[in-house]
Amino acid sequence: PEELLGFKTYADQVPMRAKIVLEEL
């Protein structure tokens, strides 16, 4: 939850989520 608090909209989360997905792959 604390990772998501700073994002005003869901679209603002895209760079963070994309980075994590690439790292997992």
mmCIF file of all heavy atoms, coordinates in Angstrom:
data_MODEL
# 
_entry.id   MODEL 
# 
loop_
_atom_site.group_PDB 
_atom_site.id 
_atom_site.type_symbol 
_atom_site.label_atom_id 
_atom_site.label_alt_id 
_atom_site.label_comp_id 
_atom_site.label_asym_id 
_atom_site.label_entity_id 
_atom_site.label_seq_id 
_atom_site.pdbx_PDB_ins_code 
_atom_site.Cartn_x 
_atom_site.Cartn_y 
_atom_site.Cartn_z 
_atom_site.occupancy 
_atom_site.B_iso_or_equiv 
_atom_site.pdbx_formal_charge 
_atom_site.auth_seq_id 
_atom_site.auth_comp_id 
_atom_site.auth_asym_id 
_atom_site.auth_atom_id 
_atom_site.pdbx_PDB_model_num 
ATOM 1   N N   . PRO A 1 1  ? 0.807  -1.223  0.000   1.00 0.00 ? 1  PRO A N   1 
ATOM 2   C CA  . PRO A 1 1  ? 0.000  0.000   0.000   1.00 0.00 ? 1  PRO A CA  1 
ATOM 3   C C   . PRO A 1 1  ? 0.839  1.271   0.000   1.00 0.00 ? 1  PRO A C   1 
ATOM 4   O O   . PRO A 1 1  ? 0.498  2.246   -0.675  1.00 0.00 ? 1  PRO A O   1 
ATOM 5   C CB  . PRO A 1 1  ? -0.833 -0.124  1.275   1.00 0.00 ? 1  PRO A CB  1 
ATOM 6   C CG  . PRO A 1 1  ? -0.941 -1.602  1.504   1.00 0.00 ? 1  PRO A CG  1 
ATOM 7   C CD  . PRO A 1 1  ? 0.371  -2.175  1.038   1.00 0.00 ? 1  PRO A CD  1 
ATOM 8   N N   . GLU A 1 2  ? 1.944  1.253   0.746   1.00 0.00 ? 2  GLU A N   1 
ATOM 9   C CA  . GLU A 1 2  ? 2.785  2.455   0.807   1.00 0.00 ? 2  GLU A CA  1 
ATOM 10  C C   . GLU A 1 2  ? 3.459  2.761   -0.529  1.00 0.00 ? 2  GLU A C   1 
ATOM 11  O O   . GLU A 1 2  ? 3.807  3.910   -0.817  1.00 0.00 ? 2  GLU A O   1 
ATOM 12  C CB  . GLU A 1 2  ? 3.846  2.324   1.904   1.00 0.00 ? 2  GLU A CB  1 
ATOM 13  C CG  . GLU A 1 2  ? 4.738  1.093   1.809   1.00 0.00 ? 2  GLU A CG  1 
ATOM 14  C CD  . GLU A 1 2  ? 4.198  -0.091  2.606   1.00 0.00 ? 2  GLU A CD  1 
ATOM 15  O OE1 . GLU A 1 2  ? 2.964  -0.162  2.820   1.00 0.00 ? 2  GLU A OE1 1 
ATOM 16  O OE2 . GLU A 1 2  ? 5.024  -0.923  3.015   1.00 0.00 ? 2  GLU A OE2 1 
ATOM 17  N N   . GLU A 1 3  ? 3.636  1.723   -1.379  1.00 0.00 ? 3  GLU A N   1 
ATOM 18  C CA  . GLU A 1 3  ? 4.210  1.940   -2.707  1.00 0.00 ? 3  GLU A CA  1 
ATOM 19  C C   . GLU A 1 3  ? 3.233  2.669   -3.628  1.00 0.00 ? 3  GLU A C   1 
ATOM 20  O O   . GLU A 1 3  ? 3.653  3.336   -4.577  1.00 0.00 ? 3  GLU A O   1 
ATOM 21  C CB  . GLU A 1 3  ? 4.584  0.600   -3.354  1.00 0.00 ? 3  GLU A CB  1 
ATOM 22  C CG  . GLU A 1 3  ? 5.717  -0.132  -2.693  1.00 0.00 ? 3  GLU A CG  1 
ATOM 23  C CD  . GLU A 1 3  ? 5.996  -1.484  -3.345  1.00 0.00 ? 3  GLU A CD  1 
ATOM 24  O OE1 . GLU A 1 3  ? 5.043  -2.122  -3.830  1.00 0.00 ? 3  GLU A OE1 1 
ATOM 25  O OE2 . GLU A 1 3  ? 7.176  -1.894  -3.357  1.00 0.00 ? 3  GLU A OE2 1 
ATOM 26  N N   . LEU A 1 4  ? 1.950  2.546   -3.340  1.00 0.00 ? 4  LEU A N   1 
ATOM 27  C CA  . LEU A 1 4  ? 0.924  3.092   -4.222  1.00 0.00 ? 4  LEU A CA  1 
ATOM 28  C C   . LEU A 1 4  ? 0.377  4.439   -3.757  1.00 0.00 ? 4  LEU A C   1 
ATOM 29  O O   . LEU A 1 4  ? -0.320 5.112   -4.516  1.00 0.00 ? 4  LEU A O   1 
ATOM 30  C CB  . LEU A 1 4  ? -0.236 2.095   -4.348  1.00 0.00 ? 4  LEU A CB  1 
ATOM 31  C CG  . LEU A 1 4  ? 0.140  0.679   -4.805  1.00 0.00 ? 4  LEU A CG  1 
ATOM 32  C CD1 . LEU A 1 4  ? -1.091 -0.220  -4.784  1.00 0.00 ? 4  LEU A CD1 1 
ATOM 33  C CD2 . LEU A 1 4  ? 0.752  0.694   -6.198  1.00 0.00 ? 4  LEU A CD2 1 
ATOM 34  N N   . LEU A 1 5  ? 0.715  4.840   -2.541  1.00 0.00 ? 5  LEU A N   1 
ATOM 35  C CA  . LEU A 1 5  ? 0.121  6.034   -1.953  1.00 0.00 ? 5  LEU A CA  1 
ATOM 36  C C   . LEU A 1 5  ? 0.445  7.308   -2.728  1.00 0.00 ? 5  LEU A C   1 
ATOM 37  O O   . LEU A 1 5  ? -0.358 8.229   -2.787  1.00 0.00 ? 5  LEU A O   1 
ATOM 38  C CB  . LEU A 1 5  ? 0.575  6.196   -0.497  1.00 0.00 ? 5  LEU A CB  1 
ATOM 39  C CG  . LEU A 1 5  ? -0.115 5.302   0.538   1.00 0.00 ? 5  LEU A CG  1 
ATOM 40  C CD1 . LEU A 1 5  ? 0.496  5.507   1.911   1.00 0.00 ? 5  LEU A CD1 1 
ATOM 41  C CD2 . LEU A 1 5  ? -1.619 5.612   0.576   1.00 0.00 ? 5  LEU A CD2 1 
ATOM 42  N N   . GLY A 1 6  ? 1.637  7.370   -3.307  1.00 0.00 ? 6  GLY A N   1 
ATOM 43  C CA  . GLY A 1 6  ? 2.064  8.605   -3.953  1.00 0.00 ? 6  GLY A CA  1 
ATOM 44  C C   . GLY A 1 6  ? 1.480  8.854   -5.322  1.00 0.00 ? 6  GLY A C   1 
ATOM 45  O O   . GLY A 1 6  ? 1.761  9.894   -5.938  1.00 0.00 ? 6  GLY A O   1 
ATOM 46  N N   . PHE A 1 7  ? 0.680  7.937   -5.834  1.00 0.00 ? 7  PHE A N   1 
ATOM 47  C CA  . PHE A 1 7  ? 0.141  8.062   -7.182  1.00 0.00 ? 7  PHE A CA  1 
ATOM 48  C C   . PHE A 1 7  ? -1.280 8.600   -7.144  1.00 0.00 ? 7  PHE A C   1 
ATOM 49  O O   . PHE A 1 7  ? -2.157 8.026   -6.490  1.00 0.00 ? 7  PHE A O   1 
ATOM 50  C CB  . PHE A 1 7  ? 0.173  6.711   -7.899  1.00 0.00 ? 7  PHE A CB  1 
ATOM 51  C CG  . PHE A 1 7  ? 1.563  6.147   -8.056  1.00 0.00 ? 7  PHE A CG  1 
ATOM 52  C CD1 . PHE A 1 7  ? 2.009  5.109   -7.248  1.00 0.00 ? 7  PHE A CD1 1 
ATOM 53  C CD2 . PHE A 1 7  ? 2.432  6.663   -9.003  1.00 0.00 ? 7  PHE A CD2 1 
ATOM 54  C CE1 . PHE A 1 7  ? 3.283  4.585   -7.392  1.00 0.00 ? 7  PHE A CE1 1 
ATOM 55  C CE2 . PHE A 1 7  ? 3.706  6.141   -9.163  1.00 0.00 ? 7  PHE A CE2 1 
ATOM 56  C CZ  . PHE A 1 7  ? 4.137  5.112   -8.352  1.00 0.00 ? 7  PHE A CZ  1 
ATOM 57  N N   . LYS A 1 8  ? -1.501 9.682   -7.886  1.00 0.00 ? 8  LYS A N   1 
ATOM 58  C CA  . LYS A 1 8  ? -2.814 10.315  -7.892  1.00 0.00 ? 8  LYS A CA  1 
ATOM 59  C C   . LYS A 1 8  ? -3.813 9.493   -8.691  1.00 0.00 ? 8  LYS A C   1 
ATOM 60  O O   . LYS A 1 8  ? -4.979 9.354   -8.298  1.00 0.00 ? 8  LYS A O   1 
ATOM 61  C CB  . LYS A 1 8  ? -2.710 11.728  -8.458  1.00 0.00 ? 8  LYS A CB  1 
ATOM 62  C CG  . LYS A 1 8  ? -4.010 12.517  -8.367  1.00 0.00 ? 8  LYS A CG  1 
ATOM 63  C CD  . LYS A 1 8  ? -3.830 13.942  -8.868  1.00 0.00 ? 8  LYS A CD  1 
ATOM 64  C CE  . LYS A 1 8  ? -5.142 14.717  -8.784  1.00 0.00 ? 8  LYS A CE  1 
ATOM 65  N NZ  . LYS A 1 8  ? -4.999 16.114  -9.274  1.00 0.00 ? 8  LYS A NZ  1 
ATOM 66  N N   . THR A 1 9  ? -3.398 8.971   -9.843  1.00 0.00 ? 9  THR A N   1 
ATOM 67  C CA  . THR A 1 9  ? -4.272 8.158   -10.690 1.00 0.00 ? 9  THR A CA  1 
ATOM 68  C C   . THR A 1 9  ? -3.615 6.804   -10.943 1.00 0.00 ? 9  THR A C   1 
ATOM 69  O O   . THR A 1 9  ? -2.410 6.635   -10.727 1.00 0.00 ? 9  THR A O   1 
ATOM 70  C CB  . THR A 1 9  ? -4.548 8.836   -12.047 1.00 0.00 ? 9  THR A CB  1 
ATOM 71  O OG1 . THR A 1 9  ? -3.334 8.845   -12.812 1.00 0.00 ? 9  THR A OG1 1 
ATOM 72  C CG2 . THR A 1 9  ? -5.046 10.261  -11.854 1.00 0.00 ? 9  THR A CG2 1 
ATOM 73  N N   . TYR A 1 10 ? -4.405 5.863   -11.446 1.00 0.00 ? 10 TYR A N   1 
ATOM 74  C CA  . TYR A 1 10 ? -3.842 4.564   -11.784 1.00 0.00 ? 10 TYR A CA  1 
ATOM 75  C C   . TYR A 1 10 ? -2.825 4.682   -12.917 1.00 0.00 ? 10 TYR A C   1 
ATOM 76  O O   . TYR A 1 10 ? -1.802 3.990   -12.926 1.00 0.00 ? 10 TYR A O   1 
ATOM 77  C CB  . TYR A 1 10 ? -4.956 3.586   -12.179 1.00 0.00 ? 10 TYR A CB  1 
ATOM 78  C CG  . TYR A 1 10 ? -5.791 3.140   -11.004 1.00 0.00 ? 10 TYR A CG  1 
ATOM 79  C CD1 . TYR A 1 10 ? -7.100 3.601   -10.838 1.00 0.00 ? 10 TYR A CD1 1 
ATOM 80  C CD2 . TYR A 1 10 ? -5.276 2.267   -10.050 1.00 0.00 ? 10 TYR A CD2 1 
ATOM 81  C CE1 . TYR A 1 10 ? -7.868 3.198   -9.758  1.00 0.00 ? 10 TYR A CE1 1 
ATOM 82  C CE2 . TYR A 1 10 ? -6.039 1.863   -8.966  1.00 0.00 ? 10 TYR A CE2 1 
ATOM 83  C CZ  . TYR A 1 10 ? -7.332 2.332   -8.826  1.00 0.00 ? 10 TYR A CZ  1 
ATOM 84  O OH  . TYR A 1 10 ? -8.077 1.934   -7.737  1.00 0.00 ? 10 TYR A OH  1 
ATOM 85  N N   . ALA A 1 11 ? -3.082 5.578   -13.863 1.00 0.00 ? 11 ALA A N   1 
ATOM 86  C CA  . ALA A 1 11 ? -2.155 5.747   -14.985 1.00 0.00 ? 11 ALA A CA  1 
ATOM 87  C C   . ALA A 1 11 ? -0.766 6.158   -14.512 1.00 0.00 ? 11 ALA A C   1 
ATOM 88  O O   . ALA A 1 11 ? 0.247  5.794   -15.131 1.00 0.00 ? 11 ALA A O   1 
ATOM 89  C CB  . ALA A 1 11 ? -2.710 6.780   -15.958 1.00 0.00 ? 11 ALA A CB  1 
ATOM 90  N N   . ASP A 1 12 ? -0.708 6.891   -13.403 1.00 0.00 ? 12 ASP A N   1 
ATOM 91  C CA  . ASP A 1 12 ? 0.590  7.314   -12.872 1.00 0.00 ? 12 ASP A CA  1 
ATOM 92  C C   . ASP A 1 12 ? 1.428  6.128   -12.388 1.00 0.00 ? 12 ASP A C   1 
ATOM 93  O O   . ASP A 1 12 ? 2.650  6.248   -12.228 1.00 0.00 ? 12 ASP A O   1 
ATOM 94  C CB  . ASP A 1 12 ? 0.389  8.299   -11.715 1.00 0.00 ? 12 ASP A CB  1 
ATOM 95  C CG  . ASP A 1 12 ? -0.243 9.604   -12.160 1.00 0.00 ? 12 ASP A CG  1 
ATOM 96  O OD1 . ASP A 1 12 ? -0.109 9.949   -13.353 1.00 0.00 ? 12 ASP A OD1 1 
ATOM 97  O OD2 . ASP A 1 12 ? -0.875 10.277  -11.316 1.00 0.00 ? 12 ASP A OD2 1 
ATOM 98  N N   . GLN A 1 13 ? 0.791  4.987   -12.160 1.00 0.00 ? 13 GLN A N   1 
ATOM 99  C CA  . GLN A 1 13 ? 1.515  3.807   -11.663 1.00 0.00 ? 13 GLN A CA  1 
ATOM 100 C C   . GLN A 1 13 ? 2.231  3.031   -12.764 1.00 0.00 ? 13 GLN A C   1 
ATOM 101 O O   . GLN A 1 13 ? 3.019  2.123   -12.472 1.00 0.00 ? 13 GLN A O   1 
ATOM 102 C CB  . GLN A 1 13 ? 0.541  2.853   -10.961 1.00 0.00 ? 13 GLN A CB  1 
ATOM 103 C CG  . GLN A 1 13 ? -0.162 3.429   -9.761  1.00 0.00 ? 13 GLN A CG  1 
ATOM 104 C CD  . GLN A 1 13 ? -1.156 2.451   -9.152  1.00 0.00 ? 13 GLN A CD  1 
ATOM 105 O OE1 . GLN A 1 13 ? -1.124 1.250   -9.439  1.00 0.00 ? 13 GLN A OE1 1 
ATOM 106 N NE2 . GLN A 1 13 ? -2.064 2.953   -8.323  1.00 0.00 ? 13 GLN A NE2 1 
ATOM 107 N N   . VAL A 1 14 ? 1.965  3.363   -14.022 1.00 0.00 ? 14 VAL A N   1 
ATOM 108 C CA  . VAL A 1 14 ? 2.468  2.551   -15.139 1.00 0.00 ? 14 VAL A CA  1 
ATOM 109 C C   . VAL A 1 14 ? 3.977  2.377   -15.118 1.00 0.00 ? 14 VAL A C   1 
ATOM 110 O O   . VAL A 1 14 ? 4.479  1.241   -15.212 1.00 0.00 ? 14 VAL A O   1 
ATOM 111 C CB  . VAL A 1 14 ? 1.988  3.125   -16.492 1.00 0.00 ? 14 VAL A CB  1 
ATOM 112 C CG1 . VAL A 1 14 ? 2.691  2.426   -17.651 1.00 0.00 ? 14 VAL A CG1 1 
ATOM 113 C CG2 . VAL A 1 14 ? 0.475  2.945   -16.620 1.00 0.00 ? 14 VAL A CG2 1 
ATOM 114 N N   . PRO A 1 15 ? 4.795  3.455   -15.023 1.00 0.00 ? 15 PRO A N   1 
ATOM 115 C CA  . PRO A 1 15 ? 6.261  3.252   -15.037 1.00 0.00 ? 15 PRO A CA  1 
ATOM 116 C C   . PRO A 1 15 ? 6.741  2.331   -13.919 1.00 0.00 ? 15 PRO A C   1 
ATOM 117 O O   . PRO A 1 15 ? 7.612  1.482   -14.138 1.00 0.00 ? 15 PRO A O   1 
ATOM 118 C CB  . PRO A 1 15 ? 6.807  4.672   -14.880 1.00 0.00 ? 15 PRO A CB  1 
ATOM 119 C CG  . PRO A 1 15 ? 5.724  5.566   -15.392 1.00 0.00 ? 15 PRO A CG  1 
ATOM 120 C CD  . PRO A 1 15 ? 4.451  4.892   -14.984 1.00 0.00 ? 15 PRO A CD  1 
ATOM 121 N N   . MET A 1 16 ? 6.180  2.503   -12.719 1.00 0.00 ? 16 MET A N   1 
ATOM 122 C CA  . MET A 1 16 ? 6.583  1.667   -11.594 1.00 0.00 ? 16 MET A CA  1 
ATOM 123 C C   . MET A 1 16 ? 6.247  0.201   -11.846 1.00 0.00 ? 16 MET A C   1 
ATOM 124 O O   . MET A 1 16 ? 7.097  -0.683  -11.672 1.00 0.00 ? 16 MET A O   1 
ATOM 125 C CB  . MET A 1 16 ? 5.892  2.164   -10.316 1.00 0.00 ? 16 MET A CB  1 
ATOM 126 C CG  . MET A 1 16 ? 6.181  1.338   -9.068  1.00 0.00 ? 16 MET A CG  1 
ATOM 127 S SD  . MET A 1 16 ? 5.016  -0.055  -8.781  1.00 0.00 ? 16 MET A SD  1 
ATOM 128 C CE  . MET A 1 16 ? 3.513  0.830   -8.341  1.00 0.00 ? 16 MET A CE  1 
ATOM 129 N N   . ARG A 1 17 ? 5.019  -0.066  -12.274 1.00 0.00 ? 17 ARG A N   1 
ATOM 130 C CA  . ARG A 1 17 ? 4.613  -1.459  -12.495 1.00 0.00 ? 17 ARG A CA  1 
ATOM 131 C C   . ARG A 1 17 ? 5.385  -2.072  -13.666 1.00 0.00 ? 17 ARG A C   1 
ATOM 132 O O   . ARG A 1 17 ? 5.774  -3.237  -13.611 1.00 0.00 ? 17 ARG A O   1 
ATOM 133 C CB  . ARG A 1 17 ? 3.107  -1.541  -12.744 1.00 0.00 ? 17 ARG A CB  1 
ATOM 134 C CG  . ARG A 1 17 ? 2.259  -1.153  -11.538 1.00 0.00 ? 17 ARG A CG  1 
ATOM 135 C CD  . ARG A 1 17 ? 0.888  -1.777  -11.629 1.00 0.00 ? 17 ARG A CD  1 
ATOM 136 N NE  . ARG A 1 17 ? -0.045 -1.244  -10.646 1.00 0.00 ? 17 ARG A NE  1 
ATOM 137 C CZ  . ARG A 1 17 ? -1.063 -1.919  -10.119 1.00 0.00 ? 17 ARG A CZ  1 
ATOM 138 N NH1 . ARG A 1 17 ? -1.275 -3.175  -10.487 1.00 0.00 ? 17 ARG A NH1 1 
ATOM 139 N NH2 . ARG A 1 17 ? -1.897 -1.368  -9.257  1.00 0.00 ? 17 ARG A NH2 1 
ATOM 140 N N   . ALA A 1 18 ? 5.606  -1.293  -14.729 1.00 0.00 ? 18 ALA A N   1 
ATOM 141 C CA  . ALA A 1 18 ? 6.334  -1.820  -15.890 1.00 0.00 ? 18 ALA A CA  1 
ATOM 142 C C   . ALA A 1 18 ? 7.769  -2.203  -15.504 1.00 0.00 ? 18 ALA A C   1 
ATOM 143 O O   . ALA A 1 18 ? 8.271  -3.253  -15.937 1.00 0.00 ? 18 ALA A O   1 
ATOM 144 C CB  . ALA A 1 18 ? 6.347  -0.778  -17.007 1.00 0.00 ? 18 ALA A CB  1 
ATOM 145 N N   . LYS A 1 19 ? 8.393  -1.376  -14.719 1.00 0.00 ? 19 LYS A N   1 
ATOM 146 C CA  . LYS A 1 19 ? 9.764  -1.665  -14.275 1.00 0.00 ? 19 LYS A CA  1 
ATOM 147 C C   . LYS A 1 19 ? 9.832  -2.967  -13.483 1.00 0.00 ? 19 LYS A C   1 
ATOM 148 O O   . LYS A 1 19 ? 10.717 -3.812  -13.709 1.00 0.00 ? 19 LYS A O   1 
ATOM 149 C CB  . LYS A 1 19 ? 10.291 -0.505  -13.425 1.00 0.00 ? 19 LYS A CB  1 
ATOM 150 C CG  . LYS A 1 19 ? 11.715 -0.697  -12.929 1.00 0.00 ? 19 LYS A CG  1 
ATOM 151 C CD  . LYS A 1 19 ? 12.153 0.479   -12.068 1.00 0.00 ? 19 LYS A CD  1 
ATOM 152 C CE  . LYS A 1 19 ? 13.564 0.252   -11.513 1.00 0.00 ? 19 LYS A CE  1 
ATOM 153 N NZ  . LYS A 1 19 ? 13.981 1.368   -10.627 1.00 0.00 ? 19 LYS A NZ  1 
ATOM 154 N N   . ILE A 1 20 ? 8.880  -3.148  -12.573 1.00 0.00 ? 20 ILE A N   1 
ATOM 155 C CA  . ILE A 1 20 ? 8.868  -4.362  -11.748 1.00 0.00 ? 20 ILE A CA  1 
ATOM 156 C C   . ILE A 1 20 ? 8.616  -5.599  -12.604 1.00 0.00 ? 20 ILE A C   1 
ATOM 157 O O   . ILE A 1 20 ? 9.250  -6.648  -12.412 1.00 0.00 ? 20 ILE A O   1 
ATOM 158 C CB  . ILE A 1 20 ? 7.804  -4.235  -10.638 1.00 0.00 ? 20 ILE A CB  1 
ATOM 159 C CG1 . ILE A 1 20 ? 8.191  -3.129  -9.665  1.00 0.00 ? 20 ILE A CG1 1 
ATOM 160 C CG2 . ILE A 1 20 ? 7.642  -5.556  -9.896  1.00 0.00 ? 20 ILE A CG2 1 
ATOM 161 C CD1 . ILE A 1 20 ? 7.125  -2.820  -8.624  1.00 0.00 ? 20 ILE A CD1 1 
ATOM 162 N N   . VAL A 1 21 ? 7.685  -5.503  -13.568 1.00 0.00 ? 21 VAL A N   1 
ATOM 163 C CA  . VAL A 1 21 ? 7.404  -6.640  -14.446 1.00 0.00 ? 21 VAL A CA  1 
ATOM 164 C C   . VAL A 1 21 ? 8.644  -7.016  -15.249 1.00 0.00 ? 21 VAL A C   1 
ATOM 165 O O   . VAL A 1 21 ? 9.003  -8.208  -15.354 1.00 0.00 ? 21 VAL A O   1 
ATOM 166 C CB  . VAL A 1 21 ? 6.221  -6.322  -15.394 1.00 0.00 ? 21 VAL A CB  1 
ATOM 167 C CG1 . VAL A 1 21 ? 6.078  -7.418  -16.454 1.00 0.00 ? 21 VAL A CG1 1 
ATOM 168 C CG2 . VAL A 1 21 ? 4.925  -6.196  -14.600 1.00 0.00 ? 21 VAL A CG2 1 
ATOM 169 N N   . LEU A 1 22 ? 9.324  -6.034  -15.816 1.00 0.00 ? 22 LEU A N   1 
ATOM 170 C CA  . LEU A 1 22 ? 10.538 -6.318  -16.589 1.00 0.00 ? 22 LEU A CA  1 
ATOM 171 C C   . LEU A 1 22 ? 11.597 -6.982  -15.727 1.00 0.00 ? 22 LEU A C   1 
ATOM 172 O O   . LEU A 1 22 ? 12.280 -7.923  -16.170 1.00 0.00 ? 22 LEU A O   1 
ATOM 173 C CB  . LEU A 1 22 ? 11.085 -5.026  -17.191 1.00 0.00 ? 22 LEU A CB  1 
ATOM 174 C CG  . LEU A 1 22 ? 10.436 -4.555  -18.490 1.00 0.00 ? 22 LEU A CG  1 
ATOM 175 C CD1 . LEU A 1 22 ? 10.974 -3.179  -18.867 1.00 0.00 ? 22 LEU A CD1 1 
ATOM 176 C CD2 . LEU A 1 22 ? 10.690 -5.550  -19.623 1.00 0.00 ? 22 LEU A CD2 1 
ATOM 177 N N   . GLU A 1 23 ? 11.748 -6.505  -14.506 1.00 0.00 ? 23 GLU A N   1 
ATOM 178 C CA  . GLU A 1 23 ? 12.732 -7.108  -13.588 1.00 0.00 ? 23 GLU A CA  1 
ATOM 179 C C   . GLU A 1 23 ? 12.384 -8.562  -13.303 1.00 0.00 ? 23 GLU A C   1 
ATOM 180 O O   . GLU A 1 23 ? 13.275 -9.428  -13.257 1.00 0.00 ? 23 GLU A O   1 
ATOM 181 C CB  . GLU A 1 23 ? 12.786 -6.302  -12.289 1.00 0.00 ? 23 GLU A CB  1 
ATOM 182 C CG  . GLU A 1 23 ? 13.463 -4.942  -12.446 1.00 0.00 ? 23 GLU A CG  1 
ATOM 183 C CD  . GLU A 1 23 ? 13.365 -4.099  -11.178 1.00 0.00 ? 23 GLU A CD  1 
ATOM 184 O OE1 . GLU A 1 23 ? 12.640 -4.515  -10.235 1.00 0.00 ? 23 GLU A OE1 1 
ATOM 185 O OE2 . GLU A 1 23 ? 13.989 -3.032  -11.137 1.00 0.00 ? 23 GLU A OE2 1 
ATOM 186 N N   . GLU A 1 24 ? 11.099 -8.856  -13.101 1.00 0.00 ? 24 GLU A N   1 
ATOM 187 C CA  . GLU A 1 24 ? 10.676 -10.236 -12.849 1.00 0.00 ? 24 GLU A CA  1 
ATOM 188 C C   . GLU A 1 24 ? 10.989 -11.135 -14.037 1.00 0.00 ? 24 GLU A C   1 
ATOM 189 O O   . GLU A 1 24 ? 11.461 -12.267 -13.882 1.00 0.00 ? 24 GLU A O   1 
ATOM 190 C CB  . GLU A 1 24 ? 9.177  -10.290 -12.547 1.00 0.00 ? 24 GLU A CB  1 
ATOM 191 C CG  . GLU A 1 24 ? 8.792  -9.793  -11.173 1.00 0.00 ? 24 GLU A CG  1 
ATOM 192 C CD  . GLU A 1 24 ? 9.208  -10.742 -10.062 1.00 0.00 ? 24 GLU A CD  1 
ATOM 193 O OE1 . GLU A 1 24 ? 9.530  -11.912 -10.356 1.00 0.00 ? 24 GLU A OE1 1 
ATOM 194 O OE2 . GLU A 1 24 ? 9.234  -10.301 -8.903  1.00 0.00 ? 24 GLU A OE2 1 
ATOM 195 N N   . LEU A 1 25 ? 10.731 -10.638 -15.240 1.00 0.00 ? 25 LEU A N   1 
ATOM 196 C CA  . LEU A 1 25 ? 10.999 -11.423 -16.437 1.00 0.00 ? 25 LEU A CA  1 
ATOM 197 C C   . LEU A 1 25 ? 12.487 -11.716 -16.579 1.00 0.00 ? 25 LEU A C   1 
ATOM 198 O O   . LEU A 1 25 ? 12.894 -12.854 -16.855 1.00 0.00 ? 25 LEU A O   1 
ATOM 199 C CB  . LEU A 1 25 ? 10.480 -10.693 -17.675 1.00 0.00 ? 25 LEU A CB  1 
ATOM 200 C CG  . LEU A 1 25 ? 8.964  -10.473 -17.761 1.00 0.00 ? 25 LEU A CG  1 
ATOM 201 C CD1 . LEU A 1 25 ? 8.618  -9.599  -18.962 1.00 0.00 ? 25 LEU A CD1 1 
ATOM 202 C CD2 . LEU A 1 25 ? 8.226  -11.809 -17.856 1.00 0.00 ? 25 LEU A CD2 1 
# 
